[in-house]
Amino acid sequence: MVGEENFIDMMPNRSNNYCCGGGGGFLQSGFNKARLEYGRLKDEQIQATGATYCIAACHNCHAQIHELSEHYGGNYAVVHLWTLICLSLGILGPREREYLGDDLKELNVFHPEMEE
């Protein structure tokens, strides 16, 4: 699951990457229809990768991209960067797994009944 061979970069990338359309307070502006339309380009960019997960470092991006995936039928999960870091360290709690797909929800979950 982890490794360079599983990383799919969006094109264009780095400084030429597209904005998700949720930043600068737009996520809370109340103009949902316009916000989702502005985000269409980002959704198309993500879907073109064929990836099952999109990693977002920003809370606004996470919320916007998650909604874009649902709105445009992207069927990709959106996870915070910190979620993956905590998961890799084995410290991600069971309640913090809401946005993980079924393939990761039970990874490194401590079950007290298994210790016996």
Protein backbone atom coordinates (compact mmCIF):
# COMPACT_ATOMS: atom_id res chain seq x y z
CA MET A 1 0.00 0.00 0.00
CA VAL A 2 2.71 2.42 0.92
CA GLY A 3 5.53 3.26 -1.40
CA GLU A 4 6.50 5.20 -4.45
CA GLU A 5 4.95 2.57 -6.73
CA ASN A 6 1.52 3.39 -5.25
CA PHE A 7 1.80 7.17 -5.52
CA ILE A 8 -0.04 8.78 -8.43
CA ASP A 9 0.64 12.46 -8.94
CA MET A 10 -1.93 14.74 -10.50
CA MET A 11 -1.18 16.52 -13.73
CA PRO A 12 -0.43 19.33 -13.80
CA ASN A 13 1.28 19.25 -10.42
CA ARG A 14 3.34 21.28 -7.98
CA SER A 15 3.03 25.04 -8.61
CA ASN A 16 0.82 24.39 -11.66
CA ASN A 17 -1.70 22.27 -9.73
CA TYR A 18 -5.35 23.34 -9.60
CA CYS A 19 -7.12 24.75 -6.55
CA CYS A 20 -9.98 22.69 -5.12
CA GLY A 21 -12.24 25.73 -4.95
CA GLY A 22 -12.87 25.60 -1.21
CA GLY A 23 -10.16 27.89 0.12
CA GLY A 24 -10.15 31.49 1.17
CA GLY A 25 -13.39 31.07 3.11
CA PHE A 26 -15.34 29.98 0.03
CA LEU A 27 -16.20 26.68 1.71
CA GLN A 28 -18.30 28.58 4.28
CA SER A 29 -19.57 31.31 1.93
CA GLY A 30 -22.96 29.75 1.25
CA PHE A 31 -22.45 29.69 -2.53
CA ASN A 32 -22.46 25.90 -2.73
CA LYS A 33 -23.47 25.60 -6.38
CA ALA A 34 -20.70 27.95 -7.54
CA ARG A 35 -18.16 26.33 -5.18
CA LEU A 36 -18.87 22.87 -6.57
CA GLU A 37 -18.62 24.17 -10.13
CA TYR A 38 -15.26 25.83 -9.37
CA GLY A 39 -14.09 22.53 -7.93
CA ARG A 40 -15.07 20.52 -11.01
CA LEU A 41 -11.59 20.93 -12.53
CA LYS A 42 -9.93 19.56 -9.37
CA ASP A 43 -12.35 16.62 -9.30
CA GLU A 44 -11.60 15.81 -12.94
CA GLN A 45 -7.88 16.05 -12.18
CA ILE A 46 -8.21 13.63 -9.26
CA GLN A 47 -10.43 11.19 -11.15
CA ALA A 48 -7.95 11.15 -14.06
CA THR A 49 -5.37 9.56 -11.72
CA GLY A 50 -7.63 6.57 -11.02
CA ALA A 51 -6.48 6.71 -7.39
CA THR A 52 -8.66 5.33 -4.61
CA TYR A 53 -7.43 7.93 -2.11
CA CYS A 54 -6.73 11.63 -2.31
CA ILE A 55 -4.52 13.04 0.44
CA ALA A 56 -5.35 16.57 1.64
CA ALA A 57 -3.15 18.50 4.05
CA CYS A 58 -5.67 21.30 4.61
CA HIS A 59 -9.04 20.99 6.36
CA ASN A 60 -10.82 23.18 3.79
CA CYS A 61 -9.38 21.13 0.93
CA HIS A 62 -10.38 17.91 2.68
CA ALA A 63 -13.99 19.04 3.14
CA GLN A 64 -14.26 20.45 -0.40
CA ILE A 65 -12.65 17.46 -2.14
CA HIS A 66 -14.75 15.01 -0.10
CA GLU A 67 -17.89 16.83 -1.24
CA LEU A 68 -16.61 16.95 -4.83
CA SER A 69 -16.09 13.17 -4.79
CA GLU A 70 -19.67 12.63 -3.64
CA HIS A 71 -21.17 15.30 -5.94
CA TYR A 72 -19.40 14.18 -9.13
CA GLY A 73 -19.38 10.44 -8.32
CA GLY A 74 -15.61 10.17 -8.01
CA ASN A 75 -15.78 7.28 -5.55
CA TYR A 76 -12.37 8.12 -4.09
CA ALA A 77 -11.76 8.56 -0.38
CA VAL A 78 -10.20 11.76 0.94
CA VAL A 79 -7.91 11.56 3.95
CA HIS A 80 -5.99 14.12 5.94
CA LEU A 81 -2.22 13.84 5.76
CA TRP A 82 -2.12 13.64 9.58
CA THR A 83 -4.50 10.64 9.45
CA LEU A 84 -2.00 8.71 7.35
CA ILE A 85 0.87 9.74 9.60
CA CYS A 86 -1.03 8.58 12.72
CA LEU A 87 -2.08 5.38 10.96
CA SER A 88 1.53 4.61 10.05
CA LEU A 89 2.60 5.22 13.67
CA GLY A 90 -0.16 2.93 14.98
CA ILE A 91 -1.78 5.71 17.02
CA LEU A 92 -4.92 6.40 14.98
CA GLY A 93 -7.94 5.81 17.18
CA PRO A 94 -11.03 3.88 16.05
CA ARG A 95 -13.17 7.05 15.98
CA GLU A 96 -10.66 8.84 13.75
CA ARG A 97 -11.18 6.48 10.80
CA GLU A 98 -14.36 7.95 9.34
CA TYR A 99 -12.83 8.84 5.98
CA LEU A 100 -10.75 5.71 5.52
CA GLY A 101 -11.92 3.09 3.07
CA ASP A 102 -12.74 -0.43 4.20
CA ASP A 103 -9.22 -1.52 3.24
CA LEU A 104 -7.69 0.68 5.97
CA LYS A 105 -10.38 0.98 8.65
CA GLU A 106 -9.12 -1.95 10.72
CA LEU A 107 -5.39 -1.52 10.07
CA ASN A 108 -3.43 -1.19 13.34
CA VAL A 109 -6.58 -1.05 15.48
CA PHE A 110 -6.00 -2.20 19.03
CA HIS A 111 -8.64 -4.68 20.18
CA PRO A 112 -8.31 -5.39 23.94
CA GLU A 113 -10.08 -8.76 23.60
CA MET A 114 -7.29 -9.96 21.28
CA GLU A 115 -4.64 -9.51 23.97
CA GLU A 116 -5.84 -12.50 26.03
